[in-house]
Amino acid sequence: MAVNTSGVESVGGKGDLQAEVANLAPWFHNLHLPDGTQTAPTHPLGDFPLYKWERLAGHLPQNLEGWSALDVGCNAGFYSFELARRGARVTGIDLNLHYLAQAKWAARQYGLQERVTFREMQVYDLAHTEEMYDLVIFMGVFYHLRYPMLGLDIVAQKVKRLMVFQTLTMPGTEVYEDTHNLDIEHREPMTDPGWPKIAFIEHKLAGDPTNWWAPNHAAVEATLRAAGMRVTERLGHEIYICEPDPDNPACINTWNSAEIISATGRRVMSRRRDDRSDQVLE
């Protein structure tokens, strides 16, 4: 059941609202507020991220009542609000306190503060939480991570039903069909345009020092498979819808669990909990 927010009124007049928007600037998400005010109407990318949502919206359930959702790298909350309007209970996480302040403010403007919770968190912090989510939005984050496969592994473990994945990519859509078990002396296929590969960006890209990686299309699909996900739809440029693949679990759930435990500090955390339990028992 969709949630109606069209009648929500802001405290004060339109001039006051515009002043609040200006006080919270700069905005990366151009939110369309209930009175028609936009938070970033001159965004260099156009009406962002509305144009991405319009490509995605018809491929997600219209009724998300009873669903839980996670918005990773939520920024000012655009996707969180769209999912909440469809009835989901949404958790948005971001490391940037400025964007989180925008998101919390905007939630009040939309009247969605009871359906959306925003938290200051890194992607990697999810490894120390117990929650899982029916729907995970993981868009515009992967290529900003210094440790992208670790981040993807952690996020994929949180998905019950669906994940929407988007990343900056290299040009091209070629896929090398058979990447199984090359001979170490015959690695030439790795130079093929369709071999899964990820470009490392040593220096800034578009002025952003956190643009670390640009996978090709084949690498996006390969890394999602390696994380235990199955791509069900590719929505044009850079957007993938996927679901957990019980027939192809991630190696961190089978023969390589020790590595993810060590990389996330779970063993240390577990020992600390055990130590506290022992102290209580004593």
Protein backbone atom coordinates (compact mmCIF):
# COMPACT_ATOMS: atom_id res chain seq x y z
CA MET A 1 0.00 0.00 0.00
CA ALA A 2 1.51 3.32 -1.04
CA VAL A 3 1.94 6.05 1.56
CA ASN A 4 0.42 9.41 0.61
CA THR A 5 2.69 12.35 1.47
CA SER A 6 1.29 14.90 -0.97
CA GLY A 7 -0.64 16.74 1.71
CA VAL A 8 2.21 17.21 4.15
CA GLU A 9 2.79 20.87 4.96
CA SER A 10 6.02 22.49 6.05
CA VAL A 11 6.20 24.65 9.14
CA GLY A 12 6.29 28.27 7.93
CA GLY A 13 5.86 29.58 4.40
CA LYS A 14 7.56 28.71 1.15
CA GLY A 15 10.19 31.38 1.73
CA ASP A 16 11.06 29.80 5.05
CA LEU A 17 11.35 26.39 3.41
CA GLN A 18 13.65 27.71 0.71
CA ALA A 19 15.79 29.30 3.41
CA GLU A 20 16.05 25.94 5.19
CA VAL A 21 17.02 24.25 1.93
CA ALA A 22 19.72 26.89 1.40
CA ASN A 23 21.00 26.42 4.96
CA LEU A 24 21.41 22.69 4.31
CA ALA A 25 23.25 23.20 1.00
CA PRO A 26 25.09 21.85 -0.88
CA TRP A 27 22.71 19.09 -2.00
CA PHE A 28 23.65 16.12 -4.18
CA HIS A 29 20.10 14.74 -4.33
CA ASN A 30 17.53 16.95 -6.02
CA LEU A 31 14.52 16.23 -3.83
CA HIS A 32 11.09 17.41 -4.98
CA LEU A 33 9.47 18.58 -1.75
CA PRO A 34 5.69 18.49 -1.24
CA ASP A 35 5.22 22.19 -2.04
CA GLY A 36 7.18 21.89 -5.31
CA THR A 37 10.47 23.24 -3.98
CA GLN A 38 13.52 21.41 -5.34
CA THR A 39 16.71 21.06 -3.34
CA ALA A 40 19.14 21.03 -6.29
CA PRO A 41 17.29 22.28 -9.39
CA THR A 42 20.54 23.19 -11.19
CA HIS A 43 22.24 19.85 -10.56
CA PRO A 44 25.00 19.24 -13.15
CA LEU A 45 23.67 15.71 -13.74
CA GLY A 46 20.14 16.97 -14.38
CA ASP A 47 17.21 15.87 -12.23
CA PHE A 48 19.33 13.48 -10.18
CA PRO A 49 18.56 10.88 -8.99
CA LEU A 50 14.97 11.03 -10.26
CA TYR A 51 15.98 9.97 -13.78
CA LYS A 52 17.69 6.86 -12.36
CA TRP A 53 14.64 6.06 -10.24
CA GLU A 54 12.34 6.36 -13.26
CA ARG A 55 14.40 3.67 -14.99
CA LEU A 56 14.23 1.43 -11.92
CA ALA A 57 10.80 2.08 -10.40
CA GLY A 58 8.76 -0.19 -12.66
CA HIS A 59 11.01 -3.16 -11.91
CA LEU A 60 10.35 -3.13 -8.17
CA PRO A 61 7.11 -4.17 -6.45
CA GLN A 62 4.61 -1.32 -6.25
CA ASN A 63 3.43 -2.56 -2.85
CA LEU A 64 6.28 -2.95 -0.35
CA GLU A 65 4.04 -3.16 2.71
CA GLY A 66 5.68 -5.58 5.15
CA TRP A 67 9.09 -5.27 3.45
CA SER A 68 12.22 -4.03 5.15
CA ALA A 69 14.70 -2.10 3.04
CA LEU A 70 18.29 -0.92 3.37
CA ASP A 71 19.60 2.09 1.46
CA VAL A 72 23.41 1.93 1.47
CA GLY A 73 25.03 5.32 0.97
CA CYS A 74 21.64 6.98 1.30
CA ASN A 75 22.85 10.58 0.88
CA ALA A 76 19.83 12.88 1.32
CA GLY A 77 17.45 9.91 1.23
CA PHE A 78 15.86 10.02 -2.22
CA TYR A 79 15.64 6.23 -2.66
CA SER A 80 14.72 5.73 1.00
CA PHE A 81 11.72 8.00 0.58
CA GLU A 82 10.58 6.34 -2.64
CA LEU A 83 10.63 2.92 -0.98
CA ALA A 84 8.87 4.25 2.11
CA ARG A 85 6.11 5.70 -0.06
CA ARG A 86 5.49 2.16 -1.31
CA GLY A 87 5.07 0.96 2.26
CA ALA A 88 8.56 -0.33 3.18
CA ARG A 89 10.26 0.22 6.51
CA VAL A 90 13.58 1.71 5.47
CA THR A 91 17.00 2.08 7.06
CA GLY A 92 19.33 4.49 5.31
CA ILE A 93 23.04 4.51 6.15
CA ASP A 94 25.73 7.00 5.24
CA LEU A 95 29.04 8.17 6.67
CA ASN A 96 28.48 11.83 5.76
CA LEU A 97 26.82 13.73 8.59
CA HIS A 98 25.89 16.60 6.28
CA TYR A 99 23.86 14.32 4.02
CA LEU A 100 22.28 12.58 7.01
CA ALA A 101 21.14 15.95 8.35
CA GLN A 102 19.52 16.65 4.97
CA ALA A 103 17.84 13.24 4.97
CA LYS A 104 16.41 13.59 8.48
CA TRP A 105 15.12 17.07 7.66
CA ALA A 106 13.55 15.90 4.40
CA ALA A 107 11.87 12.95 6.14
CA ARG A 108 9.99 15.45 8.29
CA GLN A 109 8.95 17.46 5.23
CA TYR A 110 7.50 14.32 3.63
CA GLY A 111 5.94 13.06 6.87
CA LEU A 112 7.92 9.81 6.55
CA GLN A 113 9.96 10.00 9.75
CA GLU A 114 8.03 7.04 11.21
CA ARG A 115 8.95 4.81 8.25
CA VAL A 116 12.55 5.80 7.64
CA THR A 117 15.52 5.63 10.01
CA PHE A 118 18.89 7.13 9.14
CA ARG A 119 22.15 5.96 10.70
CA GLU A 120 25.75 7.06 10.55
CA MET A 121 27.49 3.89 9.36
CA GLN A 122 30.20 2.60 7.05
CA VAL A 123 29.36 -0.27 4.69
CA TYR A 124 31.78 -2.44 6.65
CA ASP A 125 29.90 -1.76 9.91
CA LEU A 126 27.03 -3.87 8.55
CA ALA A 127 29.18 -6.95 9.26
CA HIS A 128 28.54 -6.35 12.95
CA THR A 129 24.76 -6.10 12.71
CA GLU A 130 22.22 -8.91 12.78
CA GLU A 131 19.50 -7.37 10.58
CA MET A 132 18.67 -8.65 7.12
CA TYR A 133 16.50 -6.80 4.61
CA ASP A 134 14.01 -7.81 1.95
CA LEU A 135 15.36 -5.15 -0.42
CA VAL A 136 18.79 -3.55 -0.50
CA ILE A 137 19.71 -0.50 -2.57
CA PHE A 138 23.46 -0.55 -3.23
CA MET A 139 23.86 2.19 -5.80
CA GLY A 140 26.76 4.57 -6.36
CA VAL A 141 28.90 3.13 -3.57
CA PHE A 142 30.95 0.14 -4.81
CA TYR A 143 33.51 2.15 -6.77
CA HIS A 144 34.05 4.54 -3.85
CA LEU A 145 35.12 1.71 -1.54
CA ARG A 146 38.81 1.10 -0.92
CA TYR A 147 37.92 -2.57 -0.36
CA PRO A 148 35.06 -3.14 -2.81
CA MET A 149 34.77 -6.95 -2.79
CA LEU A 150 34.70 -6.96 1.00
CA GLY A 151 31.96 -4.35 0.92
CA LEU A 152 29.94 -6.29 -1.64
CA ASP A 153 30.32 -9.55 0.31
CA ILE A 154 29.07 -7.85 3.48
CA VAL A 155 26.11 -6.18 1.77
CA ALA A 156 25.08 -9.32 -0.13
CA GLN A 157 24.80 -11.18 3.17
CA LYS A 158 22.07 -8.73 4.19
CA VAL A 159 19.75 -9.46 1.24
CA LYS A 160 16.63 -11.59 1.71
CA ARG A 161 14.89 -11.02 -1.62
CA LEU A 162 16.30 -8.35 -3.94
CA MET A 163 19.30 -6.10 -4.35
CA VAL A 164 19.65 -3.17 -6.74
CA PHE A 165 23.31 -2.67 -7.65
CA GLN A 166 24.84 0.22 -9.57
CA THR A 167 28.44 1.23 -10.09
CA LEU A 168 30.64 3.37 -12.28
CA THR A 169 31.87 1.09 -15.08
CA MET A 170 34.34 0.93 -17.94
CA PRO A 171 32.94 1.21 -21.46
CA GLY A 172 31.83 -1.98 -23.20
CA THR A 173 29.43 -4.86 -22.64
CA GLU A 174 31.52 -7.80 -23.91
CA VAL A 175 31.53 -11.02 -21.88
CA TYR A 176 34.17 -13.73 -22.21
CA GLU A 177 32.13 -16.89 -21.92
CA ASP A 178 34.50 -19.43 -20.33
CA THR A 179 36.63 -18.09 -17.48
CA HIS A 180 37.01 -21.41 -15.69
CA ASN A 181 40.42 -22.56 -14.43
CA LEU A 182 42.92 -21.16 -16.91
CA ASP A 183 46.35 -22.76 -17.11
CA ILE A 184 48.84 -20.49 -15.36
CA GLU A 185 51.05 -20.45 -18.44
CA HIS A 186 48.18 -19.44 -20.73
CA ARG A 187 46.71 -16.26 -19.33
CA GLU A 188 46.21 -14.47 -22.64
CA PRO A 189 42.39 -14.60 -22.36
CA MET A 190 42.67 -12.12 -19.49
CA THR A 191 43.54 -9.43 -22.04
CA ASP A 192 40.27 -10.00 -23.92
CA PRO A 193 37.83 -7.05 -23.61
CA GLY A 194 35.19 -9.42 -22.20
CA TRP A 195 37.36 -10.87 -19.44
CA PRO A 196 36.08 -9.68 -16.03
CA LYS A 197 38.40 -6.89 -14.96
CA ILE A 198 38.37 -3.81 -12.78
CA ALA A 199 40.36 -0.67 -13.57
CA PHE A 200 42.15 0.84 -10.58
CA ILE A 201 42.09 4.64 -10.48
CA GLU A 202 45.27 5.73 -8.77
CA HIS A 203 44.53 9.42 -9.09
CA LYS A 204 41.32 11.42 -9.08
CA LEU A 205 38.51 10.79 -11.55
CA ALA A 206 36.22 13.77 -12.19
CA GLY A 207 38.00 15.52 -9.32
CA ASP A 208 36.94 12.87 -6.77
CA PRO A 209 39.76 11.04 -4.93
CA THR A 210 37.30 8.34 -3.76
CA ASN A 211 36.58 7.13 -7.30
CA TRP A 212 38.86 4.11 -6.89
CA TRP A 213 37.51 1.51 -9.31
CA ALA A 214 35.73 1.03 -12.63
CA PRO A 215 34.72 -2.57 -13.40
CA ASN A 216 33.68 -3.65 -16.86
CA HIS A 217 30.25 -5.18 -17.39
CA ALA A 218 31.64 -8.72 -17.20
CA ALA A 219 33.30 -7.94 -13.86
CA VAL A 220 30.08 -6.53 -12.40
CA GLU A 221 28.24 -9.76 -13.16
CA ALA A 222 31.20 -11.89 -12.03
CA THR A 223 31.60 -10.11 -8.68
CA LEU A 224 27.86 -10.33 -8.02
CA ARG A 225 27.97 -14.08 -8.72
CA ALA A 226 31.02 -14.42 -6.47
CA ALA A 227 29.04 -12.68 -3.71
CA GLY A 228 26.30 -15.30 -4.02
CA MET A 229 23.90 -13.20 -6.11
CA ARG A 230 22.13 -13.96 -9.39
CA VAL A 231 21.48 -11.13 -11.83
CA THR A 232 17.84 -11.19 -12.89
CA GLU A 233 17.70 -7.95 -14.89
CA ARG A 234 20.11 -5.40 -16.31
CA LEU A 235 18.38 -2.05 -16.65
CA GLY A 236 20.45 -0.47 -19.36
CA HIS A 237 23.56 1.35 -18.28
CA GLU A 238 25.15 0.25 -14.98
CA ILE A 239 22.02 -0.85 -13.03
CA TYR A 240 21.53 -4.52 -12.10
CA ILE A 241 18.74 -6.22 -10.16
CA CYS A 242 19.77 -9.42 -8.45
CA GLU A 243 18.65 -11.95 -5.88
CA PRO A 244 20.39 -14.48 -3.61
CA ASP A 245 21.39 -17.62 -5.52
CA PRO A 246 21.05 -20.67 -3.24
CA ASP A 247 22.66 -22.82 -5.95
CA ASN A 248 25.79 -20.69 -6.02
CA PRO A 249 26.57 -19.50 -2.48
CA ALA A 250 29.45 -17.12 -1.88
CA CYS A 251 32.72 -18.76 -0.86
CA ILE A 252 32.58 -16.80 2.42
CA ASN A 253 29.65 -19.04 3.33
CA THR A 254 31.48 -22.23 2.39
CA TRP A 255 35.22 -22.86 2.12
CA ASN A 256 36.47 -19.29 2.73
CA SER A 257 34.57 -18.20 5.81
CA ALA A 258 37.76 -17.69 7.83
CA GLU A 259 38.82 -14.79 5.61
CA ILE A 260 35.63 -12.75 6.02
CA ILE A 261 35.69 -13.41 9.76
CA SER A 262 39.24 -12.09 9.99
CA ALA A 263 38.69 -9.17 7.60
CA THR A 264 35.65 -7.89 9.52
CA GLY A 265 37.01 -8.52 13.01
CA ARG A 266 34.08 -10.77 13.83
CA ARG A 267 36.31 -13.22 15.71
CA VAL A 268 37.64 -10.42 17.89
CA MET A 269 34.13 -9.11 18.51
CA SER A 270 32.95 -12.60 19.39
CA ARG A 271 35.81 -13.07 21.84
CA ARG A 272 35.01 -9.76 23.49
CA ARG A 273 31.39 -10.81 23.91
CA ASP A 274 32.52 -14.14 25.33
CA ASP A 275 34.87 -12.37 27.74
CA ARG A 276 32.08 -10.13 28.97
CA SER A 277 29.82 -13.17 29.41
CA ASP A 278 32.55 -14.89 31.47
CA GLN A 279 32.90 -11.84 33.68
CA VAL A 280 29.16 -11.81 34.31
CA LEU A 281 29.17 -15.50 35.16
CA GLU A 282 32.05 -15.06 37.59
